Amino acid sequence: MKNRVVITGMGVVAPNGVGVSQFTEALKNGTSGITFHQQLKDLNFSCQIGGIPNVTDELQSKYFTDLQLRGFNSSGILYGCIAGIDAWKDAGFYMNPDSELDYDTGLIFGTGTSGVEKFREAIYKLDDGQVRRLGSTVVIQTMASGISAYLSGMLGLGNQVTTNSSACTTGTEAVLMGYDRIKSGKAKRMLVGSCSDHGPYVWGGFDAMRVMTYKHNGDPEKGSRPMSASASGFVPGSGAGALVLESLESALERGANIYAEVLGGEVNSGGQRQGGTLTAPNPEAVQRCIKNALKQSKINSSEIDVINGHLTATSKDALEIENWTKALGRKDGDFPFINSTKSLVGHCLAAAGAIECVASVIQLKEQFVAPNLNCEDLHEDIKELIPTSKVPTQSINGNVDIVAKASFGFGDVNACVLFKQFIP
C-alpha cells in the first residue's frame, strides 16, 4: 500500500465552472465557458474570445482577507489558491493559520507566465520614478513560485514546496512529480496542480503567432473546435486545477474519500528533432512517452477506456490521433473514446494539464465520457484513423475504468499519466 498513490481531494477554477460540482455539471452537459471580450477587440486582437473563470469579489473574500487582496493583481495566483484550498478541504483538511507545520505534506504547483498584469503596473510606476510606491507584494506576485509560496503559507505545508514550469505540459507534469515523491516515500501527501493568468498580456504573443482562431468572434461558443475539419486555431483560456495526492496507506488510515488511483506515467522531450520544433511535437518521442507511461503503470494498452487528449484545435490534432493509434496499437473500432476538454474551456495554457486531469478523474468517478463540442465535422485525416463514434459529441454514461491523460507543450515536451477507478 505504501507504493500506491490515490487522489483524495480536488479543486478547479475553470472558465465553465468554479468548484468540482459546477465543473462536473458543465462537463456532463457540454457547457462552454468561452465568451467575447471587448478588451481584446479594443486592442486589435484577431481572436477576441477567450475563457475566463467567473470569480466574483464575494467568492474571493471567502479565501483572502481584505489586506491580502489589497494591491493584488495576479489572476493566476488567485485561481491557483482557490483551487488548491478547495482541494485541501475536499480531502478532509482545514485552513488554520495557527496550525502545526505539516511535514508530511508538500506542494508542487506549476505556472507559466505569472503576474503579468502586476509587472505592467510596476513598470509604469518605475518609469514614473515611483519605485517606493510599488508595494510590498510585487515580488511574490510576479515570481514564478508565487503560487506555491502563497498556498504553502496559507496551508502550513512543510514538505517540498516548489513550482514547475513546462509550458502546456506543466499541470500533468506536476501530478507526476507529486506522484513520484509519494511513491518514493518522501511524502505522505502532495498538493499538486497548475494555474494560468488571463488577459491580453498573456494571450497577445499567441495572437501574434496566428495560432488562435479569428473566425468565431461573433459566436464564441463555436470557437474552440478540437479535431474538427473547420478548426482554425485554439481559443485562449485561464484558470487552475488542483489535486491532493496521497499514499493509499495514509488515505485508508484516516478514512478519506478516494476519487481514483494514479497508476503512473511518463515525462520526456522530443529534443526538437525528427520533426519536432519549438511548437511542433516529435512524433517518436510522443509515442515513446505514451508507451512508457503504460509500462510504468503496468497495464496493457487494451485496458484504456478513455483518452483525454491535448488536442488544441490546431493542425497538429490529426498527428496526435495518429500518435495515439501507433503508441497503443489500436485503431478503427478498437480505439478508446477520446475527448478534448479544451472544446469546453479553450486552451488554458499552463493550467490546461491540471484542469484536464481533474476532468479525467471526474469522468472516472462519475462514470461518463464527456462530450467534444463543435466536432460534428470530424477532420478527414482523423476519420481515416478512428470512427466518429469514438469522438462523442454528447455525454455517454458507461463503464470507465482507466483514463489516459496526456499533455504536449511548447519546447517539444510531453507528459502522460494514467488514472484508474478506485474500488475499495
Protein backbone atom coordinates (compact mmCIF):
# COMPACT_ATOMS: atom_id res chain seq x y z
CA MET A 1 0.00 0.00 0.00
CA LYS A 2 2.88 2.38 0.68
CA ASN A 3 3.72 2.33 -3.00
CA ARG A 4 0.21 3.08 -4.25
CA VAL A 5 -0.92 6.68 -4.80
CA VAL A 6 -4.54 7.85 -4.76
CA ILE A 7 -6.41 11.13 -5.19
CA THR A 8 -8.29 12.29 -2.09
CA GLY A 9 -9.18 15.89 -2.96
CA MET A 10 -9.76 18.10 -5.99
CA GLY A 11 -10.39 21.74 -6.78
CA VAL A 12 -10.89 23.57 -10.04
CA VAL A 13 -11.33 27.10 -11.32
CA ALA A 14 -12.33 26.78 -14.97
CA PRO A 15 -14.00 29.09 -17.49
CA ASN A 16 -17.14 26.91 -17.42
CA GLY A 17 -17.27 26.16 -13.71
CA VAL A 18 -15.70 27.09 -10.39
CA GLY A 19 -15.62 24.16 -7.99
CA VAL A 20 -15.79 20.44 -8.70
CA SER A 21 -19.60 20.26 -8.56
CA GLN A 22 -20.17 23.09 -11.04
CA PHE A 23 -17.39 21.86 -13.30
CA THR A 24 -18.81 18.32 -13.28
CA GLU A 25 -22.21 19.54 -14.45
CA ALA A 26 -20.57 21.60 -17.19
CA LEU A 27 -18.64 18.54 -18.38
CA LYS A 28 -21.73 16.34 -18.41
CA ASN A 29 -23.85 18.93 -20.20
CA GLY A 30 -21.19 20.09 -22.63
CA THR A 31 -21.36 23.67 -21.33
CA SER A 32 -18.89 26.08 -22.90
CA GLY A 33 -17.05 28.74 -20.93
CA ILE A 34 -15.89 30.73 -23.97
CA THR A 35 -17.11 34.33 -24.21
CA PHE A 36 -16.42 37.52 -26.21
CA HIS A 37 -14.09 40.10 -24.62
CA GLN A 38 -14.37 43.72 -25.71
CA GLN A 39 -10.89 44.47 -24.36
CA LEU A 40 -9.35 42.11 -26.92
CA LYS A 41 -11.26 43.84 -29.72
CA ASP A 42 -10.17 47.27 -28.49
CA LEU A 43 -6.55 46.07 -28.57
CA ASN A 44 -6.94 44.87 -32.19
CA PHE A 45 -6.63 41.16 -31.40
CA SER A 46 -7.56 38.84 -34.24
CA CYS A 47 -9.01 36.43 -31.66
CA GLN A 48 -11.45 38.35 -29.48
CA ILE A 49 -12.83 35.42 -27.49
CA GLY A 50 -11.45 33.50 -24.53
CA GLY A 51 -12.18 31.52 -21.41
CA ILE A 52 -12.07 33.41 -18.10
CA PRO A 53 -13.43 31.88 -14.87
CA ASN A 54 -16.27 33.69 -13.13
CA VAL A 55 -14.65 34.57 -9.81
CA THR A 56 -16.69 37.25 -8.04
CA ASP A 57 -15.49 39.61 -5.31
CA GLU A 58 -17.74 37.72 -2.90
CA LEU A 59 -16.05 34.43 -3.77
CA GLN A 60 -12.57 35.95 -3.40
CA SER A 61 -13.44 37.18 0.09
CA LYS A 62 -14.02 33.58 1.20
CA TYR A 63 -10.36 32.75 0.53
CA PHE A 64 -8.47 36.01 1.10
CA THR A 65 -8.59 38.79 3.67
CA ASP A 66 -9.08 42.39 2.59
CA LEU A 67 -5.43 43.01 3.43
CA GLN A 68 -4.29 40.13 1.20
CA LEU A 69 -6.40 41.42 -1.69
CA ARG A 70 -5.13 44.99 -1.40
CA GLY A 71 -2.97 45.60 -4.47
CA PHE A 72 -3.48 42.02 -5.61
CA ASN A 73 -3.38 41.82 -9.39
CA SER A 74 -2.22 38.30 -10.34
CA SER A 75 -5.19 36.32 -11.60
CA GLY A 76 -3.28 33.03 -11.92
CA ILE A 77 -2.24 33.05 -8.27
CA LEU A 78 -5.81 33.90 -7.31
CA TYR A 79 -7.17 30.95 -9.31
CA GLY A 80 -4.46 28.62 -8.02
CA CYS A 81 -5.09 29.47 -4.37
CA ILE A 82 -8.84 28.93 -4.72
CA ALA A 83 -8.39 25.59 -6.50
CA GLY A 84 -5.67 24.48 -4.06
CA ILE A 85 -7.64 25.40 -0.93
CA ASP A 86 -10.75 23.69 -2.31
CA ALA A 87 -8.75 20.51 -2.99
CA TRP A 88 -7.24 20.64 0.52
CA LYS A 89 -10.65 21.00 2.16
CA ASP A 90 -12.15 18.38 -0.17
CA ALA A 91 -9.51 15.94 1.11
CA GLY A 92 -10.79 16.49 4.64
CA PHE A 93 -8.32 19.07 5.93
CA TYR A 94 -8.80 22.61 7.20
CA MET A 95 -7.19 26.02 6.87
CA ASN A 96 -5.78 27.19 10.19
CA PRO A 97 -3.18 29.97 10.34
CA ASP A 98 -2.09 28.72 13.77
CA SER A 99 -1.77 25.05 12.75
CA GLU A 100 1.31 22.95 13.39
CA LEU A 101 3.64 22.65 10.41
CA ASP A 102 2.71 19.60 8.31
CA TYR A 103 5.99 17.90 7.41
CA ASP A 104 4.15 15.00 5.75
CA THR A 105 2.60 17.18 3.02
CA GLY A 106 4.29 19.07 0.22
CA LEU A 107 3.18 21.14 -2.74
CA ILE A 108 4.12 21.25 -6.42
CA PHE A 109 2.07 23.90 -8.20
CA GLY A 110 3.05 25.00 -11.68
CA THR A 111 2.57 28.09 -13.76
CA GLY A 112 3.75 29.66 -17.00
CA THR A 113 3.94 33.44 -17.09
CA SER A 114 2.87 34.71 -13.67
CA GLY A 115 1.67 38.13 -12.61
CA VAL A 116 1.93 39.86 -15.98
CA GLU A 117 -0.64 42.50 -15.02
CA LYS A 118 1.34 43.22 -11.85
CA PHE A 119 4.52 43.51 -13.91
CA ARG A 120 2.80 46.02 -16.18
CA GLU A 121 1.61 48.06 -13.19
CA ALA A 122 5.12 48.01 -11.71
CA ILE A 123 6.76 49.04 -14.97
CA TYR A 124 4.54 52.14 -15.27
CA LYS A 125 5.33 53.18 -11.70
CA LEU A 126 9.05 52.61 -12.24
CA ASP A 127 9.01 54.62 -15.47
CA ASP A 128 7.48 57.48 -13.47
CA GLY A 129 10.19 57.20 -10.83
CA GLN A 130 7.80 55.82 -8.20
CA VAL A 131 9.86 52.84 -7.05
CA ARG A 132 8.78 53.34 -3.43
CA ARG A 133 5.14 53.01 -4.43
CA LEU A 134 5.49 49.55 -5.95
CA GLY A 135 4.15 47.90 -2.81
CA SER A 136 5.42 45.02 -0.71
CA THR A 137 3.82 42.20 -2.74
CA VAL A 138 5.22 42.91 -6.21
CA VAL A 139 7.95 40.28 -5.86
CA ILE A 140 5.73 37.46 -4.60
CA GLN A 141 3.02 38.26 -7.17
CA THR A 142 5.43 38.17 -10.10
CA MET A 143 7.93 35.46 -9.20
CA ALA A 144 7.26 32.09 -10.79
CA SER A 145 6.95 30.37 -7.42
CA GLY A 146 4.50 32.98 -6.11
CA ILE A 147 1.62 30.50 -6.33
CA SER A 148 3.42 27.83 -4.26
CA ALA A 149 4.61 30.46 -1.77
CA TYR A 150 1.08 31.77 -1.22
CA LEU A 151 -0.54 28.33 -0.98
CA SER A 152 2.03 26.68 1.29
CA GLY A 153 1.82 29.61 3.71
CA MET A 154 -1.97 29.51 3.78
CA LEU A 155 -1.95 25.76 4.49
CA GLY A 156 1.24 25.35 6.53
CA LEU A 157 2.94 22.68 4.41
CA GLY A 158 6.42 21.59 5.48
CA ASN A 159 7.49 19.01 2.89
CA GLN A 160 8.88 20.00 -0.52
CA VAL A 161 7.24 23.20 -1.78
CA THR A 162 8.07 24.24 -5.33
CA THR A 163 6.80 25.43 -8.71
CA ASN A 164 7.37 23.68 -12.04
CA SER A 165 7.00 25.29 -15.45
CA SER A 166 6.87 23.28 -18.68
CA ALA A 167 4.52 25.23 -20.94
CA CYS A 168 1.27 23.37 -21.68
CA THR A 169 2.63 20.20 -20.02
CA THR A 170 3.01 21.91 -16.63
CA GLY A 171 -0.08 20.58 -14.81
CA THR A 172 0.28 16.97 -15.90
CA GLU A 173 3.98 17.09 -15.06
CA ALA A 174 3.16 18.44 -11.57
CA VAL A 175 0.89 15.44 -10.95
CA LEU A 176 3.67 13.03 -11.90
CA MET A 177 6.26 14.89 -9.81
CA GLY A 178 3.99 14.66 -6.77
CA TYR A 179 3.27 11.01 -7.53
CA ASP A 180 6.99 10.24 -7.64
CA ARG A 181 7.61 11.89 -4.28
CA ILE A 182 4.91 9.84 -2.56
CA LYS A 183 5.94 6.68 -4.41
CA SER A 184 9.49 7.07 -3.11
CA GLY A 185 8.27 7.50 0.48
CA LYS A 186 9.45 11.12 0.81
CA ALA A 187 5.93 12.43 1.49
CA LYS A 188 2.54 11.11 2.58
CA ARG A 189 0.63 13.73 0.63
CA MET A 190 1.32 16.23 -2.16
CA LEU A 191 -0.97 19.05 -3.25
CA VAL A 192 -0.32 19.36 -6.99
CA GLY A 193 -1.71 21.44 -9.83
CA SER A 194 -1.13 24.41 -12.08
CA CYS A 195 -2.57 27.81 -12.91
CA SER A 196 -2.53 30.47 -15.60
CA ASP A 197 -3.28 34.19 -15.72
CA HIS A 198 -5.84 35.55 -18.14
CA GLY A 199 -5.77 38.60 -20.35
CA PRO A 200 -4.12 40.31 -23.31
CA TYR A 201 -0.61 40.42 -21.89
CA VAL A 202 -0.54 36.63 -21.66
CA TRP A 203 -2.51 35.92 -24.82
CA GLY A 204 -1.04 38.62 -27.09
CA GLY A 205 2.02 36.63 -28.14
CA PHE A 206 -0.13 33.73 -29.31
CA ASP A 207 -2.35 36.09 -31.29
CA ALA A 208 0.78 37.48 -32.96
CA MET A 209 1.82 33.90 -33.85
CA ARG A 210 -1.54 33.41 -35.61
CA VAL A 211 -2.22 30.19 -33.72
CA MET A 212 -5.51 31.42 -32.25
CA THR A 213 -8.82 31.38 -34.12
CA TYR A 214 -10.26 34.58 -35.56
CA LYS A 215 -13.37 33.14 -37.20
CA HIS A 216 -15.82 32.98 -34.31
CA ASN A 217 -15.69 36.36 -32.60
CA GLY A 218 -19.44 36.73 -33.15
CA ASP A 219 -20.22 33.21 -31.91
CA PRO A 220 -17.77 32.47 -29.08
CA GLU A 221 -19.08 29.05 -28.03
CA LYS A 222 -18.39 27.74 -31.55
CA GLY A 223 -14.78 28.90 -31.46
CA SER A 224 -12.97 26.03 -29.74
CA ARG A 225 -13.05 23.15 -32.24
CA PRO A 226 -10.51 20.39 -31.46
CA MET A 227 -10.45 17.58 -34.07
CA SER A 228 -12.87 19.49 -36.29
CA ALA A 229 -12.36 19.90 -40.04
CA SER A 230 -13.24 23.57 -39.60
CA ALA A 231 -10.83 24.21 -36.70
CA SER A 232 -8.84 27.40 -37.24
CA GLY A 233 -6.67 27.69 -34.14
CA PHE A 234 -7.08 27.50 -30.39
CA VAL A 235 -9.12 29.72 -28.07
CA PRO A 236 -7.13 31.04 -25.09
CA GLY A 237 -8.29 30.19 -21.59
CA SER A 238 -7.20 30.56 -17.98
CA GLY A 239 -7.82 29.12 -14.53
CA ALA A 240 -6.38 26.42 -12.27
CA GLY A 241 -6.75 22.80 -11.27
CA ALA A 242 -5.55 21.10 -8.09
CA LEU A 243 -5.40 17.55 -6.73
CA VAL A 244 -4.39 16.11 -3.35
CA LEU A 245 -2.31 13.00 -3.94
CA GLU A 246 -1.87 10.66 -1.01
CA SER A 247 -0.39 7.27 -0.24
CA LEU A 248 -3.12 4.64 -0.13
CA GLU A 249 -1.96 3.64 3.33
CA SER A 250 -2.41 7.19 4.66
CA ALA A 251 -5.78 7.62 2.93
CA LEU A 252 -7.15 4.38 4.37
CA GLU A 253 -5.81 5.15 7.85
CA ARG A 254 -7.82 8.35 8.05
CA GLY A 255 -10.86 7.04 6.16
CA ALA A 256 -10.51 9.55 3.34
CA ASN A 257 -12.75 9.68 0.31
CA ILE A 258 -10.81 8.35 -2.69
CA TYR A 259 -11.56 9.65 -6.19
CA ALA A 260 -9.19 7.47 -8.17
CA GLU A 261 -5.76 5.87 -8.22
CA VAL A 262 -2.73 7.25 -10.06
CA LEU A 263 -1.18 4.23 -11.76
CA GLY A 264 1.89 6.01 -13.09
CA GLY A 265 3.09 7.94 -16.09
CA GLU A 266 5.99 9.34 -18.07
CA VAL A 267 7.58 12.70 -18.87
CA ASN A 268 10.00 13.19 -21.75
CA SER A 269 11.13 15.55 -24.51
CA GLY A 270 11.38 15.26 -28.27
CA GLY A 271 14.50 17.41 -28.25
CA GLN A 272 13.15 19.39 -31.23
CA ARG A 273 14.47 16.65 -33.52
CA GLN A 274 12.85 14.32 -36.10
CA GLY A 275 10.11 16.77 -36.99
CA GLY A 276 9.87 18.25 -33.52
CA THR A 277 10.31 22.02 -33.19
CA LEU A 278 9.71 24.70 -30.60
CA THR A 279 5.98 24.47 -31.39
CA ALA A 280 5.56 21.03 -33.02
CA PRO A 281 5.95 17.59 -31.43
CA ASN A 282 8.49 14.93 -32.32
CA PRO A 283 6.12 12.01 -33.07
CA GLU A 284 8.61 9.35 -32.00
CA ALA A 285 9.03 10.98 -28.57
CA VAL A 286 5.27 11.36 -28.10
CA GLN A 287 4.71 7.69 -28.86
CA ARG A 288 7.58 6.72 -26.57
CA CYS A 289 6.07 8.84 -23.77
CA ILE A 290 2.71 7.06 -24.07
CA LYS A 291 4.27 3.60 -24.29
CA ASN A 292 6.50 4.20 -21.26
CA ALA A 293 3.54 5.59 -19.29
CA LEU A 294 1.76 2.27 -19.87
CA LYS A 295 4.88 0.33 -18.93
CA GLN A 296 5.37 2.32 -15.72
CA SER A 297 1.69 1.84 -14.86
CA LYS A 298 1.90 -1.92 -15.51
CA ILE A 299 -1.13 -2.00 -17.80
CA ASN A 300 -1.82 -3.04 -21.38
CA SER A 301 -2.99 -0.56 -23.98
CA SER A 302 -6.20 -2.59 -24.36
CA GLU A 303 -7.20 -1.58 -20.81
CA ILE A 304 -7.57 2.11 -21.61
CA ASP A 305 -11.23 3.14 -21.90
CA VAL A 306 -10.92 6.89 -22.46
CA ILE A 307 -8.21 9.28 -23.61
CA ASN A 308 -8.29 12.90 -22.53
CA GLY A 309 -6.05 14.34 -25.19
CA HIS A 310 -4.03 17.52 -25.55
CA LEU A 311 -5.94 18.36 -28.78
CA THR A 312 -5.87 22.14 -29.15
CA ALA A 313 -7.79 22.73 -32.42
CA THR A 314 -4.64 23.34 -34.46
CA SER A 315 -3.18 21.49 -37.44
CA LYS A 316 -1.46 19.01 -35.10
CA ASP A 317 -4.68 17.37 -33.84
CA ALA A 318 -4.64 14.69 -36.55
CA LEU A 319 -0.97 13.95 -35.81
CA GLU A 320 -1.83 13.48 -32.13
CA ILE A 321 -4.53 10.93 -33.01
CA GLU A 322 -2.06 9.12 -35.28
CA ASN A 323 0.48 9.04 -32.44
CA TRP A 324 -2.12 7.55 -30.09
CA THR A 325 -3.05 4.82 -32.59
CA LYS A 326 0.60 3.87 -33.08
CA ALA A 327 1.56 4.03 -29.40
CA LEU A 328 -1.45 1.97 -28.29
CA GLY A 329 -1.50 -0.33 -31.30
CA ARG A 330 -5.23 0.39 -31.52
CA LYS A 331 -7.16 1.99 -34.38
CA ASP A 332 -10.54 1.87 -36.12
CA GLY A 333 -13.26 0.43 -33.86
CA ASP A 334 -10.74 -0.85 -31.31
CA PHE A 335 -9.67 2.70 -30.40
CA PRO A 336 -10.77 4.08 -26.98
CA PHE A 337 -13.15 7.02 -26.65
CA ILE A 338 -11.27 10.31 -26.86
CA ASN A 339 -12.19 13.81 -25.78
CA SER A 340 -10.71 17.26 -25.52
CA THR A 341 -11.71 19.35 -22.51
CA LYS A 342 -10.41 22.34 -24.49
CA SER A 343 -13.59 22.26 -26.60
CA LEU A 344 -15.39 23.49 -23.45
CA VAL A 345 -12.84 25.80 -21.82
CA GLY A 346 -10.30 26.70 -24.50
CA HIS A 347 -6.57 26.18 -24.11
CA CYS A 348 -5.76 27.22 -20.55
CA LEU A 349 -2.02 27.16 -21.26
CA ALA A 350 -0.02 26.28 -18.13
CA ALA A 351 -3.28 25.47 -16.28
CA ALA A 352 -4.51 23.14 -19.03
CA GLY A 353 -2.92 19.92 -17.77
CA ALA A 354 -4.22 20.28 -14.21
CA ILE A 355 -7.75 21.29 -15.23
CA GLU A 356 -7.85 18.38 -17.68
CA CYS A 357 -6.51 15.94 -15.06
CA VAL A 358 -9.40 16.99 -12.82
CA ALA A 359 -11.78 16.46 -15.77
CA SER A 360 -10.30 13.00 -16.36
CA VAL A 361 -10.75 11.95 -12.72
CA ILE A 362 -14.32 13.31 -12.67
CA GLN A 363 -15.18 11.07 -15.63
CA LEU A 364 -13.80 8.08 -13.71
CA LYS A 365 -15.62 8.94 -10.51
CA GLU A 366 -18.93 9.74 -12.20
CA GLN A 367 -18.66 7.02 -14.87
CA PHE A 368 -19.26 9.02 -18.03
CA VAL A 369 -17.40 10.18 -21.13
CA ALA A 370 -17.51 13.95 -21.58
CA PRO A 371 -18.54 15.30 -25.00
CA ASN A 372 -16.50 17.15 -27.60
CA LEU A 373 -18.12 20.43 -28.60
CA ASN A 374 -18.04 21.64 -32.20
CA CYS A 375 -16.77 18.35 -33.57
CA GLU A 376 -19.68 17.21 -35.71
CA ASP A 377 -17.43 17.70 -38.75
CA LEU A 378 -14.58 15.42 -37.69
CA HIS A 379 -11.36 16.10 -39.59
CA GLU A 380 -10.95 13.81 -42.63
CA ASP A 381 -7.44 12.73 -41.58
CA ILE A 382 -8.82 11.66 -38.20
CA LYS A 383 -11.72 9.79 -39.83
CA GLU A 384 -9.19 7.64 -41.66
CA LEU A 385 -7.75 6.53 -38.29
CA ILE A 386 -10.76 6.18 -35.98
CA PRO A 387 -14.57 6.13 -36.37
CA THR A 388 -16.62 9.20 -35.48
CA SER A 389 -18.31 7.18 -32.72
CA LYS A 390 -15.05 7.30 -30.75
CA VAL A 391 -15.25 11.12 -30.65
CA PRO A 392 -18.58 11.62 -28.83
CA THR A 393 -20.40 14.92 -29.25
CA GLN A 394 -22.82 14.05 -26.44
CA SER A 395 -22.10 12.80 -22.93
CA ILE A 396 -22.03 8.99 -22.69
CA ASN A 397 -22.75 7.06 -19.50
CA GLY A 398 -20.73 3.88 -19.25
CA ASN A 399 -18.04 1.73 -17.76
CA VAL A 400 -14.89 3.81 -17.38
CA ASP A 401 -12.06 2.03 -15.56
CA ILE A 402 -8.85 3.65 -16.86
CA VAL A 403 -8.31 7.11 -18.36
CA ALA A 404 -5.10 8.19 -20.09
CA LYS A 405 -4.36 11.92 -19.90
CA ALA A 406 -1.59 13.46 -21.99
CA SER A 407 -0.22 16.97 -22.46
CA PHE A 408 2.25 18.19 -25.08
CA GLY A 409 3.87 21.59 -24.73
CA PHE A 410 5.94 24.29 -26.43
CA GLY A 411 9.58 23.26 -26.42
CA ASP A 412 8.64 19.74 -27.56
CA VAL A 413 7.90 18.42 -24.05
CA ASN A 414 5.48 15.58 -23.26
CA ALA A 415 3.69 14.06 -20.28
CA CYS A 416 1.22 11.19 -19.94
CA VAL A 417 -0.49 9.96 -16.75
CA LEU A 418 -2.83 7.01 -16.16
CA PHE A 419 -5.78 7.23 -13.74
CA LYS A 420 -7.77 4.20 -12.58
CA GLN A 421 -11.16 3.88 -10.94
CA PHE A 422 -10.68 3.06 -7.26
CA ILE A 423 -12.86 0.25 -5.94
CA PRO A 424 -12.39 -0.44 -2.20
